[in-house]
Amino acid sequence: MQSGNKTETLQNGIIVVTGTSTGIGNATAKELASCGFHVLAGVRREIDADAIRGKNIEPVMLDITNEATTCTLHNWTGCGYGQIFKLDFARQSA
């Protein structure tokens, strides 16, 4: 069955959103989660991870300027070895 609605096509997919501690990244992560997506929400501090955690939102310690954290995310999303998630979409807000 083919759908013209891209949201329906991606629903229940894995989406990475960076910069989810505040602002548009935070709002984007929450909106996508409410639509049924599994959001890997990039944050830099544990306190921000606790604040964003919720249904369909999984905080990920991520600093895009830190190679170690980006490599971890890379491996989680199936772009590297040890795939945990298959990444369907990414949105950078940082």
PDB file of N, CA and C in Angstrom:
ATOM      1  N   MET A   1       0.845  -1.181   0.000  1.00  0.00           N
ATOM      2  CA  MET A   1       0.000   0.000   0.000  1.00  0.00           C
ATOM      3  C   MET A   1       0.886   1.238   0.000  1.00  0.00           C
ATOM      4  N   GLN A   2       0.668   2.096  -0.952  1.00  0.00           N
ATOM      5  CA  GLN A   2       1.485   3.303  -1.063  1.00  0.00           C
ATOM      6  C   GLN A   2       0.697   4.490  -0.530  1.00  0.00           C
ATOM      7  N   SER A   3       1.369   5.323   0.230  1.00  0.00           N
ATOM      8  CA  SER A   3       0.739   6.494   0.818  1.00  0.00           C
ATOM      9  C   SER A   3       1.424   7.750   0.312  1.00  0.00           C
ATOM     10  N   GLY A   4       0.643   8.768   0.026  1.00  0.00           N
ATOM     11  CA  GLY A   4       1.213  10.037  -0.395  1.00  0.00           C
ATOM     12  C   GLY A   4       1.671  10.876   0.779  1.00  0.00           C
ATOM     13  N   ASN A   5       1.318  10.464   1.986  1.00  0.00           N
ATOM     14  CA  ASN A   5       1.655  11.207   3.180  1.00  0.00           C
ATOM     15  C   ASN A   5       2.970  10.692   3.753  1.00  0.00           C
ATOM     16  N   LYS A   6       4.023  11.494   3.699  1.00  0.00           N
ATOM     17  CA  LYS A   6       5.328  11.071   4.191  1.00  0.00           C
ATOM     18  C   LYS A   6       5.302  10.788   5.686  1.00  0.00           C
ATOM     19  N   THR A   7       4.472  11.478   6.438  1.00  0.00           N
ATOM     20  CA  THR A   7       4.370  11.227   7.869  1.00  0.00           C
ATOM     21  C   THR A   7       3.895   9.806   8.118  1.00  0.00           C
ATOM     22  N   GLU A   8       2.881   9.353   7.369  1.00  0.00           N
ATOM     23  CA  GLU A   8       2.404   7.988   7.521  1.00  0.00           C
ATOM     24  C   GLU A   8       3.487   6.993   7.158  1.00  0.00           C
ATOM     25  N   THR A   9       4.265   7.296   6.141  1.00  0.00           N
ATOM     26  CA  THR A   9       5.314   6.402   5.683  1.00  0.00           C
ATOM     27  C   THR A   9       6.386   6.230   6.750  1.00  0.00           C
ATOM     28  N   LEU A  10       6.754   7.306   7.433  1.00  0.00           N
ATOM     29  CA  LEU A  10       7.818   7.265   8.430  1.00  0.00           C
ATOM     30  C   LEU A  10       7.331   6.950   9.838  1.00  0.00           C
ATOM     31  N   GLN A  11       6.015   7.022  10.071  1.00  0.00           N
ATOM     32  CA  GLN A  11       5.513   6.859  11.431  1.00  0.00           C
ATOM     33  C   GLN A  11       6.040   5.571  12.043  1.00  0.00           C
ATOM     34  N   ASN A  12       6.355   5.624  13.299  1.00  0.00           N
ATOM     35  CA  ASN A  12       6.977   4.556  14.061  1.00  0.00           C
ATOM     36  C   ASN A  12       8.443   4.368  13.690  1.00  0.00           C
ATOM     37  N   GLY A  13       8.981   5.277  12.898  1.00  0.00           N
ATOM     38  CA  GLY A  13      10.389   5.229  12.540  1.00  0.00           C
ATOM     39  C   GLY A  13      11.246   5.856  13.619  1.00  0.00           C
ATOM     40  N   ILE A  14      12.540   5.768  13.419  1.00  0.00           N
ATOM     41  CA  ILE A  14      13.522   6.324  14.345  1.00  0.00           C
ATOM     42  C   ILE A  14      14.006   7.656  13.791  1.00  0.00           C
ATOM     43  N   ILE A  15      13.931   8.691  14.611  1.00  0.00           N
ATOM     44  CA  ILE A  15      14.360  10.019  14.195  1.00  0.00           C
ATOM     45  C   ILE A  15      15.332  10.571  15.233  1.00  0.00           C
ATOM     46  N   VAL A  16      16.442  11.124  14.767  1.00  0.00           N
ATOM     47  CA  VAL A  16      17.394  11.798  15.657  1.00  0.00           C
ATOM     48  C   VAL A  16      17.147  13.290  15.548  1.00  0.00           C
ATOM     49  N   VAL A  17      16.981  13.940  16.688  1.00  0.00           N
ATOM     50  CA  VAL A  17      16.864  15.393  16.741  1.00  0.00           C
ATOM     51  C   VAL A  17      17.941  15.879  17.699  1.00  0.00           C
ATOM     52  N   THR A  18      18.800  16.782  17.243  1.00  0.00           N
ATOM     53  CA  THR A  18      19.827  17.344  18.116  1.00  0.00           C
ATOM     54  C   THR A  18      19.318  18.640  18.729  1.00  0.00           C
ATOM     55  N   GLY A  19      19.992  19.085  19.770  1.00  0.00           N
ATOM     56  CA  GLY A  19      19.640  20.364  20.395  1.00  0.00           C
ATOM     57  C   GLY A  19      18.274  20.349  21.035  1.00  0.00           C
ATOM     58  N   THR A  20      17.925  19.247  21.721  1.00  0.00           N
ATOM     59  CA  THR A  20      16.575  19.118  22.262  1.00  0.00           C
ATOM     60  C   THR A  20      16.420  19.655  23.685  1.00  0.00           C
ATOM     61  N   SER A  21      17.466  20.278  24.221  1.00  0.00           N
ATOM     62  CA  SER A  21      17.376  20.822  25.574  1.00  0.00           C
ATOM     63  C   SER A  21      16.386  21.977  25.652  1.00  0.00           C
ATOM     64  N   THR A  22      16.345  22.801  24.618  1.00  0.00           N
ATOM     65  CA  THR A  22      15.476  23.978  24.612  1.00  0.00           C
ATOM     66  C   THR A  22      15.028  24.278  23.189  1.00  0.00           C
ATOM     67  N   GLY A  23      14.167  25.258  23.074  1.00  0.00           N
ATOM     68  CA  GLY A  23      13.813  25.848  21.788  1.00  0.00           C
ATOM     69  C   GLY A  23      13.190  24.912  20.778  1.00  0.00           C
ATOM     70  N   ILE A  24      13.528  25.156  19.512  1.00  0.00           N
ATOM     71  CA  ILE A  24      12.895  24.422  18.417  1.00  0.00           C
ATOM     72  C   ILE A  24      13.247  22.945  18.428  1.00  0.00           C
ATOM     73  N   GLY A  25      14.451  22.592  18.869  1.00  0.00           N
ATOM     74  CA  GLY A  25      14.815  21.186  18.970  1.00  0.00           C
ATOM     75  C   GLY A  25      13.944  20.452  19.970  1.00  0.00           C
ATOM     76  N   ASN A  26      13.684  21.078  21.109  1.00  0.00           N
ATOM     77  CA  ASN A  26      12.833  20.518  22.142  1.00  0.00           C
ATOM     78  C   ASN A  26      11.403  20.353  21.626  1.00  0.00           C
ATOM     79  N   ALA A  27      10.879  21.396  21.017  1.00  0.00           N
ATOM     80  CA  ALA A  27       9.511  21.354  20.489  1.00  0.00           C
ATOM     81  C   ALA A  27       9.382  20.320  19.369  1.00  0.00           C
ATOM     82  N   THR A  28      10.402  20.231  18.520  1.00  0.00           N
ATOM     83  CA  THR A  28      10.381  19.270  17.416  1.00  0.00           C
ATOM     84  C   THR A  28      10.360  17.843  17.956  1.00  0.00           C
ATOM     85  N   ALA A  29      11.212  17.551  18.927  1.00  0.00           N
ATOM     86  CA  ALA A  29      11.268  16.206  19.513  1.00  0.00           C
ATOM     87  C   ALA A  29       9.921  15.825  20.124  1.00  0.00           C
ATOM     88  N   LYS A  30       9.320  16.721  20.865  1.00  0.00           N
ATOM     89  CA  LYS A  30       8.037  16.439  21.518  1.00  0.00           C
ATOM     90  C   LYS A  30       6.920  16.245  20.498  1.00  0.00           C
ATOM     91  N   GLU A  31       6.906  17.067  19.463  1.00  0.00           N
ATOM     92  CA  GLU A  31       5.862  16.945  18.430  1.00  0.00           C
ATOM     93  C   GLU A  31       5.998  15.623  17.679  1.00  0.00           C
ATOM     94  N   LEU A  32       7.209  15.276  17.292  1.00  0.00           N
ATOM     95  CA  LEU A  32       7.423  14.020  16.568  1.00  0.00           C
ATOM     96  C   LEU A  32       7.060  12.815  17.443  1.00  0.00           C
ATOM     97  N   ALA A  33       7.410  12.870  18.722  1.00  0.00           N
ATOM     98  CA  ALA A  33       7.060  11.787  19.645  1.00  0.00           C
ATOM     99  C   ALA A  33       5.547  11.658  19.776  1.00  0.00           C
ATOM    100  N   SER A  34       4.848  12.779  19.826  1.00  0.00           N
ATOM    101  CA  SER A  34       3.388  12.729  19.950  1.00  0.00           C
ATOM    102  C   SER A  34       2.723  12.180  18.688  1.00  0.00           C
ATOM    103  N   CYS A  35       3.448  12.221  17.577  1.00  0.00           N
ATOM    104  CA  CYS A  35       2.940  11.670  16.315  1.00  0.00           C
ATOM    105  C   CYS A  35       3.281  10.189  16.158  1.00  0.00           C
ATOM    106  N   GLY A  36       3.965   9.609  17.139  1.00  0.00           N
ATOM    107  CA  GLY A  36       4.247   8.191  17.113  1.00  0.00           C
ATOM    108  C   GLY A  36       5.650   7.800  16.691  1.00  0.00           C
ATOM    109  N   PHE A  37       6.510   8.778  16.451  1.00  0.00           N
ATOM    110  CA  PHE A  37       7.888   8.468  16.103  1.00  0.00           C
ATOM    111  C   PHE A  37       8.685   8.140  17.363  1.00  0.00           C
ATOM    112  N   HIS A  38       9.725   7.316  17.219  1.00  0.00           N
ATOM    113  CA  HIS A  38      10.671   7.084  18.311  1.00  0.00           C
ATOM    114  C   HIS A  38      11.795   8.096  18.105  1.00  0.00           C
ATOM    115  N   VAL A  39      11.927   9.028  19.031  1.00  0.00           N
ATOM    116  CA  VAL A  39      12.879  10.120  18.896  1.00  0.00           C
ATOM    117  C   VAL A  39      14.102   9.863  19.765  1.00  0.00           C
ATOM    118  N   LEU A  40      15.272   9.867  19.123  1.00  0.00           N
ATOM    119  CA  LEU A  40      16.534   9.879  19.845  1.00  0.00           C
ATOM    120  C   LEU A  40      16.879  11.353  20.021  1.00  0.00           C
ATOM    121  N   ALA A  41      16.710  11.861  21.235  1.00  0.00           N
ATOM    122  CA  ALA A  41      16.810  13.285  21.522  1.00  0.00           C
ATOM    123  C   ALA A  41      18.206  13.642  22.017  1.00  0.00           C
ATOM    124  N   GLY A  42      18.958  14.334  21.197  1.00  0.00           N
ATOM    125  CA  GLY A  42      20.328  14.703  21.537  1.00  0.00           C
ATOM    126  C   GLY A  42      20.386  15.829  22.559  1.00  0.00           C
ATOM    127  N   VAL A  43      21.070  15.552  23.668  1.00  0.00           N
ATOM    128  CA  VAL A  43      21.285  16.547  24.727  1.00  0.00           C
ATOM    129  C   VAL A  43      22.749  16.462  25.161  1.00  0.00           C
ATOM    130  N   ARG A  44      23.233  17.525  25.810  1.00  0.00           N
ATOM    131  CA  ARG A  44      24.623  17.526  26.276  1.00  0.00           C
ATOM    132  C   ARG A  44      24.760  17.332  27.776  1.00  0.00           C
ATOM    133  N   ARG A  45      23.671  17.504  28.527  1.00  0.00           N
ATOM    134  CA  ARG A  45      23.751  17.399  29.990  1.00  0.00           C
ATOM    135  C   ARG A  45      22.702  16.416  30.509  1.00  0.00           C
ATOM    136  N   GLU A  46      23.063  15.722  31.574  1.00  0.00           N
ATOM    137  CA  GLU A  46      22.174  14.728  32.172  1.00  0.00           C
ATOM    138  C   GLU A  46      20.856  15.357  32.639  1.00  0.00           C
ATOM    139  N   ILE A  47      20.918  16.579  33.162  1.00  0.00           N
ATOM    140  CA  ILE A  47      19.701  17.258  33.624  1.00  0.00           C
ATOM    141  C   ILE A  47      18.736  17.492  32.453  1.00  0.00           C
ATOM    142  N   ASP A  48      19.286  17.768  31.272  1.00  0.00           N
ATOM    143  CA  ASP A  48      18.445  17.959  30.088  1.00  0.00           C
ATOM    144  C   ASP A  48      17.854  16.629  29.618  1.00  0.00           C
ATOM    145  N   ALA A  49      18.622  15.550  29.786  1.00  0.00           N
ATOM    146  CA  ALA A  49      18.120  14.215  29.436  1.00  0.00           C
ATOM    147  C   ALA A  49      16.914  13.865  30.303  1.00  0.00           C
ATOM    148  N   ASP A  50      17.019  14.154  31.590  1.00  0.00           N
ATOM    149  CA  ASP A  50      15.909  13.875  32.504  1.00  0.00           C
ATOM    150  C   ASP A  50      14.672  14.689  32.137  1.00  0.00           C
ATOM    151  N   ALA A  51      14.876  15.928  31.707  1.00  0.00           N
ATOM    152  CA  ALA A  51      13.756  16.819  31.383  1.00  0.00           C
ATOM    153  C   ALA A  51      13.035  16.411  30.102  1.00  0.00           C
ATOM    154  N   ILE A  52      13.747  15.894  29.103  1.00  0.00           N
ATOM    155  CA  ILE A  52      13.135  15.578  27.805  1.00  0.00           C
ATOM    156  C   ILE A  52      12.588  14.151  27.757  1.00  0.00           C
ATOM    157  N   ARG A  53      13.080  13.285  28.632  1.00  0.00           N
ATOM    158  CA  ARG A  53      12.681  11.867  28.612  1.00  0.00           C
ATOM    159  C   ARG A  53      11.161  11.743  28.733  1.00  0.00           C
ATOM    160  N   GLY A  54      10.579  10.895  27.891  1.00  0.00           N
ATOM    161  CA  GLY A  54       9.137  10.673  27.942  1.00  0.00           C
ATOM    162  C   GLY A  54       8.723   9.610  26.949  1.00  0.00           C
ATOM    163  N   LYS A  55       7.426   9.457  26.774  1.00  0.00           N
ATOM    164  CA  LYS A  55       6.907   8.457  25.838  1.00  0.00           C
ATOM    165  C   LYS A  55       7.450   8.745  24.441  1.00  0.00           C
ATOM    166  N   ASN A  56       8.084   7.756  23.847  1.00  0.00           N
ATOM    167  CA  ASN A  56       8.673   7.827  22.499  1.00  0.00           C
ATOM    168  C   ASN A  56       9.888   8.743  22.411  1.00  0.00           C
ATOM    169  N   ILE A  57      10.372   9.248  23.543  1.00  0.00           N
ATOM    170  CA  ILE A  57      11.571  10.097  23.522  1.00  0.00           C
ATOM    171  C   ILE A  57      12.657   9.441  24.356  1.00  0.00           C
ATOM    172  N   GLU A  58      13.750   9.119  23.705  1.00  0.00           N
ATOM    173  CA  GLU A  58      14.895   8.518  24.370  1.00  0.00           C
ATOM    174  C   GLU A  58      16.064   9.496  24.307  1.00  0.00           C
ATOM    175  N   PRO A  59      16.424  10.095  25.437  1.00  0.00           N
ATOM    176  CA  PRO A  59      17.547  11.036  25.426  1.00  0.00           C
ATOM    177  C   PRO A  59      18.862  10.328  25.104  1.00  0.00           C
ATOM    178  N   VAL A  60      19.689  11.003  24.352  1.00  0.00           N
ATOM    179  CA  VAL A  60      20.995  10.491  23.971  1.00  0.00           C
ATOM    180  C   VAL A  60      22.008  11.586  24.270  1.00  0.00           C
ATOM    181  N   MET A  61      23.029  11.248  25.059  1.00  0.00           N
ATOM    182  CA  MET A  61      24.075  12.225  25.322  1.00  0.00           C
ATOM    183  C   MET A  61      24.809  12.459  24.011  1.00  0.00           C
ATOM    184  N   LEU A  62      24.711  13.670  23.498  1.00  0.00           N
ATOM    185  CA  LEU A  62      25.254  13.970  22.178  1.00  0.00           C
ATOM    186  C   LEU A  62      25.743  15.408  22.117  1.00  0.00           C
ATOM    187  N   ASP A  63      27.011  15.542  21.856  1.00  0.00           N
ATOM    188  CA  ASP A  63      27.612  16.838  21.578  1.00  0.00           C
ATOM    189  C   ASP A  63      28.216  16.703  20.189  1.00  0.00           C
ATOM    190  N   ILE A  64      27.645  17.390  19.218  1.00  0.00           N
ATOM    191  CA  ILE A  64      28.090  17.182  17.833  1.00  0.00           C
ATOM    192  C   ILE A  64      29.532  17.612  17.603  1.00  0.00           C
ATOM    193  N   THR A  65      30.133  18.294  18.593  1.00  0.00           N
ATOM    194  CA  THR A  65      31.547  18.659  18.473  1.00  0.00           C
ATOM    195  C   THR A  65      32.454  17.624  19.146  1.00  0.00           C
ATOM    196  N   ASN A  66      31.852  16.568  19.712  1.00  0.00           N
ATOM    197  CA  ASN A  66      32.603  15.545  20.428  1.00  0.00           C
ATOM    198  C   ASN A  66      32.518  14.230  19.652  1.00  0.00           C
ATOM    199  N   GLU A  67      33.631  13.808  19.098  1.00  0.00           N
ATOM    200  CA  GLU A  67      33.648  12.624  18.248  1.00  0.00           C
ATOM    201  C   GLU A  67      33.169  11.365  18.962  1.00  0.00           C
ATOM    202  N   ALA A  68      33.469  11.229  20.250  1.00  0.00           N
ATOM    203  CA  ALA A  68      33.069  10.035  20.994  1.00  0.00           C
ATOM    204  C   ALA A  68      31.551   9.897  21.038  1.00  0.00           C
ATOM    205  N   THR A  69      30.838  10.992  21.284  1.00  0.00           N
ATOM    206  CA  THR A  69      29.380  10.897  21.370  1.00  0.00           C
ATOM    207  C   THR A  69      28.758  10.701  19.987  1.00  0.00           C
ATOM    208  N   THR A  70      29.344  11.302  18.975  1.00  0.00           N
ATOM    209  CA  THR A  70      28.788  11.110  17.630  1.00  0.00           C
ATOM    210  C   THR A  70      29.044   9.691  17.141  1.00  0.00           C
ATOM    211  N   CYS A  71      30.170   9.090  17.515  1.00  0.00           N
ATOM    212  CA  CYS A  71      30.452   7.701  17.141  1.00  0.00           C
ATOM    213  C   CYS A  71      29.464   6.753  17.817  1.00  0.00           C
ATOM    214  N   THR A  72      29.136   7.016  19.072  1.00  0.00           N
ATOM    215  CA  THR A  72      28.156   6.190  19.777  1.00  0.00           C
ATOM    216  C   THR A  72      26.811   6.252  19.058  1.00  0.00           C
ATOM    217  N   LEU A  73      26.356   7.443  18.729  1.00  0.00           N
ATOM    218  CA  LEU A  73      25.097   7.586  18.011  1.00  0.00           C
ATOM    219  C   LEU A  73      25.183   6.913  16.646  1.00  0.00           C
ATOM    220  N   HIS A  74      26.289   7.060  15.985  1.00  0.00           N
ATOM    221  CA  HIS A  74      26.524   6.437  14.681  1.00  0.00           C
ATOM    222  C   HIS A  74      26.322   4.934  14.784  1.00  0.00           C
ATOM    223  N   ASN A  75      26.846   4.322  15.809  1.00  0.00           N
ATOM    224  CA  ASN A  75      26.687   2.879  15.999  1.00  0.00           C
ATOM    225  C   ASN A  75      25.257   2.502  16.350  1.00  0.00           C
ATOM    226  N   TRP A  76      24.588   3.296  17.156  1.00  0.00           N
ATOM    227  CA  TRP A  76      23.204   3.020  17.547  1.00  0.00           C
ATOM    228  C   TRP A  76      22.269   3.013  16.354  1.00  0.00           C
ATOM    229  N   THR A  77      22.508   3.895  15.412  1.00  0.00           N
ATOM    230  CA  THR A  77      21.539   4.097  14.333  1.00  0.00           C
ATOM    231  C   THR A  77      21.786   3.221  13.118  1.00  0.00           C
ATOM    232  N   GLY A  78      22.689   2.279  13.206  1.00  0.00           N
ATOM    233  CA  GLY A  78      22.859   1.339  12.123  1.00  0.00           C
ATOM    234  C   GLY A  78      23.805   1.801  11.039  1.00  0.00           C
ATOM    235  N   CYS A  79      24.409   2.969  11.219  1.00  0.00           N
ATOM    236  CA  CYS A  79      25.375   3.457  10.244  1.00  0.00           C
ATOM    237  C   CYS A  79      26.731   2.820  10.497  1.00  0.00           C
ATOM    238  N   GLY A  80      26.870   2.212  11.658  1.00  0.00           N
ATOM    239  CA  GLY A  80      28.144   1.594  12.010  1.00  0.00           C
ATOM    240  C   GLY A  80      27.923   0.177  12.500  1.00  0.00           C
ATOM    241  N   TYR A  81      28.902  -0.363  13.158  1.00  0.00           N
ATOM    242  CA  TYR A  81      28.815  -1.726  13.669  1.00  0.00           C
ATOM    243  C   TYR A  81      27.973  -1.756  14.932  1.00  0.00           C
ATOM    244  N   GLY A  82      27.347  -2.865  15.202  1.00  0.00           N
ATOM    245  CA  GLY A  82      26.565  -3.011  16.426  1.00  0.00           C
ATOM    246  C   GLY A  82      25.248  -2.279  16.372  1.00  0.00           C
ATOM    247  N   GLN A  83      24.571  -2.322  15.249  1.00  0.00           N
ATOM    248  CA  GLN A  83      23.322  -1.582  15.042  1.00  0.00           C
ATOM    249  C   GLN A  83      22.296  -1.890  16.126  1.00  0.00           C
ATOM    250  N   ILE A  84      21.761  -0.836  16.737  1.00  0.00           N
ATOM    251  CA  ILE A  84      20.659  -0.966  17.682  1.00  0.00           C
ATOM    252  C   ILE A  84      19.378  -0.466  17.030  1.00  0.00           C
ATOM    253  N   PHE A  85      19.451   0.672  16.348  1.00  0.00           N
ATOM    254  CA  PHE A  85      18.295   1.253  15.673  1.00  0.00           C
ATOM    255  C   PHE A  85      18.608   1.447  14.200  1.00  0.00           C
ATOM    256  N   LYS A  86      17.593   1.377  13.357  1.00  0.00           N
ATOM    257  CA  LYS A  86      17.732   1.764  11.960  1.00  0.00           C
ATOM    258  C   LYS A  86      17.210   3.197  11.860  1.00  0.00           C
ATOM    259  N   LEU A  87      18.087   4.104  11.549  1.00  0.00           N
ATOM    260  CA  LEU A  87      17.731   5.511  11.474  1.00  0.00           C
ATOM    261  C   LEU A  87      16.884   5.781  10.239  1.00  0.00           C
ATOM    262  N   ASP A  88      15.748   6.470  10.437  1.00  0.00           N
ATOM    263  CA  ASP A  88      14.875   6.825   9.329  1.00  0.00           C
ATOM    264  C   ASP A  88      15.000   8.295   8.943  1.00  0.00           C
ATOM    265  N   PHE A  89      15.363   9.158   9.889  1.00  0.00           N
ATOM    266  CA  PHE A  89      15.415  10.589   9.612  1.00  0.00           C
ATOM    267  C   PHE A  89      16.246  11.271  10.688  1.00  0.00           C
ATOM    268  N   ALA A  90      16.912  12.350  10.342  1.00  0.00           N
ATOM    269  CA  ALA A  90      17.670  13.127  11.323  1.00  0.00           C
ATOM    270  C   ALA A  90      17.354  14.604  11.137  1.00  0.00           C
ATOM    271  N   ARG A  91      17.295  15.342  12.241  1.00  0.00           N
ATOM    272  CA  ARG A  91      17.046  16.784  12.215  1.00  0.00           C
ATOM    273  C   ARG A  91      18.002  17.448  13.153  1.00  0.00           C
ATOM    274  N   GLN A  92      18.844  18.324  12.638  1.00  0.00           N
ATOM    275  CA  GLN A  92      19.814  19.035  13.479  1.00  0.00           C
ATOM    276  C   GLN A  92      19.249  20.374  13.909  1.00  0.00           C
ATOM    277  N   SER A  93      19.264  20.611  15.213  1.00  0.00           N
ATOM    278  CA  SER A  93      18.765  21.871  15.757  1.00  0.00           C
ATOM    279  C   SER A  93      19.839  22.626  16.523  1.00  0.00           C
ATOM    280  N   ALA A  94      21.000  22.018  16.684  1.00  0.00           N
ATOM    281  CA  ALA A  94      22.051  22.650  17.465  1.00  0.00           C
ATOM    282  C   ALA A  94      22.802  23.676  16.630  1.00  0.00           C
TER     283      ALA A  94
END
